[in-house]
Amino acid sequence: MPKKDGLAVLAELREDSCFEKTPIIVLAGVREGDIVRSCIAAGATGYVVQSVGHPRRAT
């Protein structure tokens, strides 16, 4: 997202009364505790770690 990160968008959604009970699942590229805790603290309902594989070179 060019102008906001996911945490900023999450905070804005949680401030809007229309979305206060809407479940928000965060898709993260890493499983770092600080990032997960930040998302949950900002109002995320849960998170999913995106499977990031290493590309294989054809031989």
PDB file of N, CA and C in Angstrom:
ATOM      1  N   MET A   1       0.854  -1.160   0.000  1.00  0.00           N
ATOM      2  CA  MET A   1       0.000   0.000   0.000  1.00  0.00           C
ATOM      3  C   MET A   1       0.900   1.223   0.000  1.00  0.00           C
ATOM      4  N   PRO A   2       0.701   2.089  -0.928  1.00  0.00           N
ATOM      5  CA  PRO A   2       1.661   3.175  -1.118  1.00  0.00           C
ATOM      6  C   PRO A   2       1.717   4.224  -0.010  1.00  0.00           C
ATOM      7  N   LYS A   3       0.621   4.553   0.636  1.00  0.00           N
ATOM      8  CA  LYS A   3       0.660   5.663   1.588  1.00  0.00           C
ATOM      9  C   LYS A   3       0.444   5.250   3.039  1.00  0.00           C
ATOM     10  N   LYS A   4      -0.045   4.038   3.267  1.00  0.00           N
ATOM     11  CA  LYS A   4      -0.304   3.579   4.633  1.00  0.00           C
ATOM     12  C   LYS A   4       0.162   2.141   4.765  1.00  0.00           C
ATOM     13  N   ASP A   5       0.575   1.805   5.973  1.00  0.00           N
ATOM     14  CA  ASP A   5       0.884   0.398   6.206  1.00  0.00           C
ATOM     15  C   ASP A   5      -0.362  -0.283   6.766  1.00  0.00           C
ATOM     16  N   GLY A   6      -0.296  -1.584   6.897  1.00  0.00           N
ATOM     17  CA  GLY A   6      -1.451  -2.346   7.345  1.00  0.00           C
ATOM     18  C   GLY A   6      -1.925  -1.972   8.735  1.00  0.00           C
ATOM     19  N   LEU A   7      -0.988  -1.634   9.628  1.00  0.00           N
ATOM     20  CA  LEU A   7      -1.377  -1.247  10.984  1.00  0.00           C
ATOM     21  C   LEU A   7      -2.177   0.053  10.990  1.00  0.00           C
ATOM     22  N   ALA A   8      -1.822   0.988  10.118  1.00  0.00           N
ATOM     23  CA  ALA A   8      -2.556   2.249  10.032  1.00  0.00           C
ATOM     24  C   ALA A   8      -3.985   2.008   9.531  1.00  0.00           C
ATOM     25  N   VAL A   9      -4.113   1.150   8.531  1.00  0.00           N
ATOM     26  CA  VAL A   9      -5.444   0.822   8.001  1.00  0.00           C
ATOM     27  C   VAL A   9      -6.266   0.096   9.059  1.00  0.00           C
ATOM     28  N   LEU A  10      -5.640  -0.835   9.768  1.00  0.00           N
ATOM     29  CA  LEU A  10      -6.319  -1.563  10.831  1.00  0.00           C
ATOM     30  C   LEU A  10      -6.830  -0.616  11.911  1.00  0.00           C
ATOM     31  N   ALA A  11      -6.009   0.321  12.315  1.00  0.00           N
ATOM     32  CA  ALA A  11      -6.417   1.298  13.329  1.00  0.00           C
ATOM     33  C   ALA A  11      -7.588   2.143  12.842  1.00  0.00           C
ATOM     34  N   GLU A  12      -7.560   2.564  11.586  1.00  0.00           N
ATOM     35  CA  GLU A  12      -8.668   3.354  11.035  1.00  0.00           C
ATOM     36  C   GLU A  12      -9.959   2.549  10.994  1.00  0.00           C
ATOM     37  N   LEU A  13      -9.863   1.288  10.614  1.00  0.00           N
ATOM     38  CA  LEU A  13     -11.059   0.446  10.583  1.00  0.00           C
ATOM     39  C   LEU A  13     -11.654   0.286  11.978  1.00  0.00           C
ATOM     40  N   ARG A  14     -10.807   0.078  12.962  1.00  0.00           N
ATOM     41  CA  ARG A  14     -11.299  -0.113  14.327  1.00  0.00           C
ATOM     42  C   ARG A  14     -11.879   1.175  14.920  1.00  0.00           C
ATOM     43  N   GLU A  15     -11.447   2.330  14.440  1.00  0.00           N
ATOM     44  CA  GLU A  15     -12.008   3.600  14.913  1.00  0.00           C
ATOM     45  C   GLU A  15     -13.402   3.844  14.348  1.00  0.00           C
ATOM     46  N   ASP A  16     -13.706   3.239  13.215  1.00  0.00           N
ATOM     47  CA  ASP A  16     -15.015   3.409  12.565  1.00  0.00           C
ATOM     48  C   ASP A  16     -16.009   2.447  13.200  1.00  0.00           C
ATOM     49  N   SER A  17     -17.091   2.974  13.756  1.00  0.00           N
ATOM     50  CA  SER A  17     -18.067   2.141  14.451  1.00  0.00           C
ATOM     51  C   SER A  17     -18.709   1.096  13.538  1.00  0.00           C
ATOM     52  N   CYS A  18     -18.690   1.300  12.237  1.00  0.00           N
ATOM     53  CA  CYS A  18     -19.245   0.316  11.300  1.00  0.00           C
ATOM     54  C   CYS A  18     -18.443  -0.976  11.290  1.00  0.00           C
ATOM     55  N   PHE A  19     -17.173  -0.906  11.661  1.00  0.00           N
ATOM     56  CA  PHE A  19     -16.288  -2.067  11.590  1.00  0.00           C
ATOM     57  C   PHE A  19     -15.854  -2.599  12.952  1.00  0.00           C
ATOM     58  N   GLU A  20     -16.439  -2.084  14.029  1.00  0.00           N
ATOM     59  CA  GLU A  20     -15.943  -2.468  15.348  1.00  0.00           C
ATOM     60  C   GLU A  20     -16.140  -3.954  15.667  1.00  0.00           C
ATOM     61  N   LYS A  21     -17.123  -4.595  15.068  1.00  0.00           N
ATOM     62  CA  LYS A  21     -17.344  -6.025  15.334  1.00  0.00           C
ATOM     63  C   LYS A  21     -16.962  -6.905  14.155  1.00  0.00           C
ATOM     64  N   THR A  22     -16.437  -6.309  13.108  1.00  0.00           N
ATOM     65  CA  THR A  22     -16.028  -7.072  11.930  1.00  0.00           C
ATOM     66  C   THR A  22     -14.706  -7.779  12.203  1.00  0.00           C
ATOM     67  N   PRO A  23     -14.655  -9.096  11.994  1.00  0.00           N
ATOM     68  CA  PRO A  23     -13.381  -9.800  12.186  1.00  0.00           C
ATOM     69  C   PRO A  23     -12.356  -9.346  11.143  1.00  0.00           C
ATOM     70  N   ILE A  24     -11.150  -9.073  11.579  1.00  0.00           N
ATOM     71  CA  ILE A  24     -10.076  -8.676  10.673  1.00  0.00           C
ATOM     72  C   ILE A  24      -8.915  -9.643  10.880  1.00  0.00           C
ATOM     73  N   ILE A  25      -8.584 -10.367   9.818  1.00  0.00           N
ATOM     74  CA  ILE A  25      -7.497 -11.316   9.850  1.00  0.00           C
ATOM     75  C   ILE A  25      -6.323 -10.708   9.077  1.00  0.00           C
ATOM     76  N   VAL A  26      -5.169 -10.662   9.694  1.00  0.00           N
ATOM     77  CA  VAL A  26      -3.982 -10.076   9.090  1.00  0.00           C
ATOM     78  C   VAL A  26      -3.184 -11.172   8.385  1.00  0.00           C
ATOM     79  N   LEU A  27      -2.771 -10.898   7.165  1.00  0.00           N
ATOM     80  CA  LEU A  27      -1.894 -11.792   6.424  1.00  0.00           C
ATOM     81  C   LEU A  27      -0.489 -11.246   6.543  1.00  0.00           C
ATOM     82  N   ALA A  28       0.380 -11.990   7.232  1.00  0.00           N
ATOM     83  CA  ALA A  28       1.741 -11.526   7.489  1.00  0.00           C
ATOM     84  C   ALA A  28       2.741 -12.382   6.729  1.00  0.00           C
ATOM     85  N   GLY A  29       3.825 -11.777   6.338  1.00  0.00           N
ATOM     86  CA  GLY A  29       4.874 -12.496   5.636  1.00  0.00           C
ATOM     87  C   GLY A  29       5.879 -13.142   6.569  1.00  0.00           C
ATOM     88  N   VAL A  30       5.838 -12.771   7.828  1.00  0.00           N
ATOM     89  CA  VAL A  30       6.779 -13.317   8.812  1.00  0.00           C
ATOM     90  C   VAL A  30       6.034 -13.660  10.093  1.00  0.00           C
ATOM     91  N   ARG A  31       6.666 -14.458  10.911  1.00  0.00           N
ATOM     92  CA  ARG A  31       6.053 -14.846  12.174  1.00  0.00           C
ATOM     93  C   ARG A  31       6.843 -14.238  13.328  1.00  0.00           C
ATOM     94  N   GLU A  32       7.109 -12.972  13.263  1.00  0.00           N
ATOM     95  CA  GLU A  32       7.847 -12.302  14.329  1.00  0.00           C
ATOM     96  C   GLU A  32       6.870 -11.874  15.414  1.00  0.00           C
ATOM     97  N   GLY A  33       7.225 -12.158  16.644  1.00  0.00           N
ATOM     98  CA  GLY A  33       6.346 -11.879  17.769  1.00  0.00           C
ATOM     99  C   GLY A  33       5.935 -10.431  17.877  1.00  0.00           C
ATOM    100  N   ASP A  34       6.865  -9.499  17.622  1.00  0.00           N
ATOM    101  CA  ASP A  34       6.540  -8.078  17.752  1.00  0.00           C
ATOM    102  C   ASP A  34       5.480  -7.655  16.743  1.00  0.00           C
ATOM    103  N   ILE A  35       5.584  -8.155  15.529  1.00  0.00           N
ATOM    104  CA  ILE A  35       4.616  -7.796  14.494  1.00  0.00           C
ATOM    105  C   ILE A  35       3.245  -8.368  14.832  1.00  0.00           C
ATOM    106  N   VAL A  36       3.223  -9.617  15.239  1.00  0.00           N
ATOM    107  CA  VAL A  36       1.951 -10.258  15.599  1.00  0.00           C
ATOM    108  C   VAL A  36       1.312  -9.538  16.778  1.00  0.00           C
ATOM    109  N   ARG A  37       2.095  -9.240  17.810  1.00  0.00           N
ATOM    110  CA  ARG A  37       1.555  -8.524  18.978  1.00  0.00           C
ATOM    111  C   ARG A  37       1.036  -7.145  18.587  1.00  0.00           C
ATOM    112  N   SER A  38       1.723  -6.446  17.688  1.00  0.00           N
ATOM    113  CA  SER A  38       1.273  -5.130  17.240  1.00  0.00           C
ATOM    114  C   SER A  38      -0.068  -5.220  16.525  1.00  0.00           C
ATOM    115  N   CYS A  39      -0.220  -6.231  15.701  1.00  0.00           N
ATOM    116  CA  CYS A  39      -1.480  -6.413  14.965  1.00  0.00           C
ATOM    117  C   CYS A  39      -2.641  -6.717  15.910  1.00  0.00           C
ATOM    118  N   ILE A  40      -2.407  -7.613  16.851  1.00  0.00           N
ATOM    119  CA  ILE A  40      -3.452  -7.965  17.815  1.00  0.00           C
ATOM    120  C   ILE A  40      -3.794  -6.750  18.681  1.00  0.00           C
ATOM    121  N   ALA A  41      -2.777  -6.006  19.109  1.00  0.00           N
ATOM    122  CA  ALA A  41      -3.012  -4.807  19.922  1.00  0.00           C
ATOM    123  C   ALA A  41      -3.775  -3.741  19.148  1.00  0.00           C
ATOM    124  N   ALA A  42      -3.573  -3.684  17.834  1.00  0.00           N
ATOM    125  CA  ALA A  42      -4.254  -2.686  17.008  1.00  0.00           C
ATOM    126  C   ALA A  42      -5.691  -3.092  16.684  1.00  0.00           C
ATOM    127  N   GLY A  43      -6.057  -4.326  17.043  1.00  0.00           N
ATOM    128  CA  GLY A  43      -7.450  -4.718  16.849  1.00  0.00           C
ATOM    129  C   GLY A  43      -7.687  -5.884  15.915  1.00  0.00           C
ATOM    130  N   ALA A  44      -6.631  -6.518  15.445  1.00  0.00           N
ATOM    131  CA  ALA A  44      -6.813  -7.680  14.572  1.00  0.00           C
ATOM    132  C   ALA A  44      -7.436  -8.825  15.367  1.00  0.00           C
ATOM    133  N   THR A  45      -8.309  -9.569  14.714  1.00  0.00           N
ATOM    134  CA  THR A  45      -8.940 -10.715  15.339  1.00  0.00           C
ATOM    135  C   THR A  45      -7.981 -11.896  15.360  1.00  0.00           C
ATOM    136  N   GLY A  46      -7.146 -11.996  14.327  1.00  0.00           N
ATOM    137  CA  GLY A  46      -6.187 -13.083  14.220  1.00  0.00           C
ATOM    138  C   GLY A  46      -5.203 -12.788  13.108  1.00  0.00           C
ATOM    139  N   TYR A  47      -4.360 -13.761  12.840  1.00  0.00           N
ATOM    140  CA  TYR A  47      -3.370 -13.563  11.788  1.00  0.00           C
ATOM    141  C   TYR A  47      -3.067 -14.889  11.115  1.00  0.00           C
ATOM    142  N   VAL A  48      -2.607 -14.806   9.882  1.00  0.00           N
ATOM    143  CA  VAL A  48      -2.176 -15.965   9.123  1.00  0.00           C
ATOM    144  C   VAL A  48      -0.801 -15.630   8.569  1.00  0.00           C
ATOM    145  N   VAL A  49       0.131 -16.562   8.719  1.00  0.00           N
ATOM    146  CA  VAL A  49       1.467 -16.350   8.174  1.00  0.00           C
ATOM    147  C   VAL A  49       1.476 -16.861   6.741  1.00  0.00           C
ATOM    148  N   GLN A  50       1.827 -15.983   5.835  1.00  0.00           N
ATOM    149  CA  GLN A  50       1.879 -16.314   4.414  1.00  0.00           C
ATOM    150  C   GLN A  50       3.031 -17.272   4.162  1.00  0.00           C
ATOM    151  N   SER A  51       2.763 -18.296   3.418  1.00  0.00           N
ATOM    152  CA  SER A  51       3.803 -19.261   3.074  1.00  0.00           C
ATOM    153  C   SER A  51       4.698 -18.653   2.002  1.00  0.00           C
ATOM    154  N   VAL A  52       5.945 -18.431   2.367  1.00  0.00           N
ATOM    155  CA  VAL A  52       6.888 -17.845   1.430  1.00  0.00           C
ATOM    156  C   VAL A  52       7.954 -18.889   1.145  1.00  0.00           C
ATOM    157  N   GLY A  53       7.958 -19.385  -0.070  1.00  0.00           N
ATOM    158  CA  GLY A  53       8.938 -20.399  -0.432  1.00  0.00           C
ATOM    159  C   GLY A  53      10.055 -19.784  -1.247  1.00  0.00           C
ATOM    160  N   HIS A  54      11.138 -20.483  -1.302  1.00  0.00           N
ATOM    161  CA  HIS A  54      12.257 -20.039  -2.122  1.00  0.00           C
ATOM    162  C   HIS A  54      12.090 -20.589  -3.525  1.00  0.00           C
ATOM    163  N   PRO A  55      12.256 -19.739  -4.526  1.00  0.00           N
ATOM    164  CA  PRO A  55      12.116 -20.246  -5.892  1.00  0.00           C
ATOM    165  C   PRO A  55      13.208 -21.280  -6.199  1.00  0.00           C
ATOM    166  N   ARG A  56      12.817 -22.282  -6.945  1.00  0.00           N
ATOM    167  CA  ARG A  56      13.789 -23.315  -7.319  1.00  0.00           C
ATOM    168  C   ARG A  56      14.255 -23.068  -8.740  1.00  0.00           C
ATOM    169  N   ARG A  57      15.507 -23.263  -8.918  1.00  0.00           N
ATOM    170  CA  ARG A  57      16.101 -23.089 -10.239  1.00  0.00           C
ATOM    171  C   ARG A  57      16.052 -24.423 -10.980  1.00  0.00           C
ATOM    172  N   ALA A  58      15.506 -24.392 -12.177  1.00  0.00           N
ATOM    173  CA  ALA A  58      15.455 -25.611 -12.977  1.00  0.00           C
ATOM    174  C   ALA A  58      16.841 -25.956 -13.456  1.00  0.00           C
ATOM    175  N   THR A  59      17.216 -27.221 -13.334  1.00  0.00           N
ATOM    176  CA  THR A  59      18.535 -27.641 -13.804  1.00  0.00           C
ATOM    177  C   THR A  59      18.403 -28.725 -14.850  1.00  0.00           C
TER     178      THR A  59
END
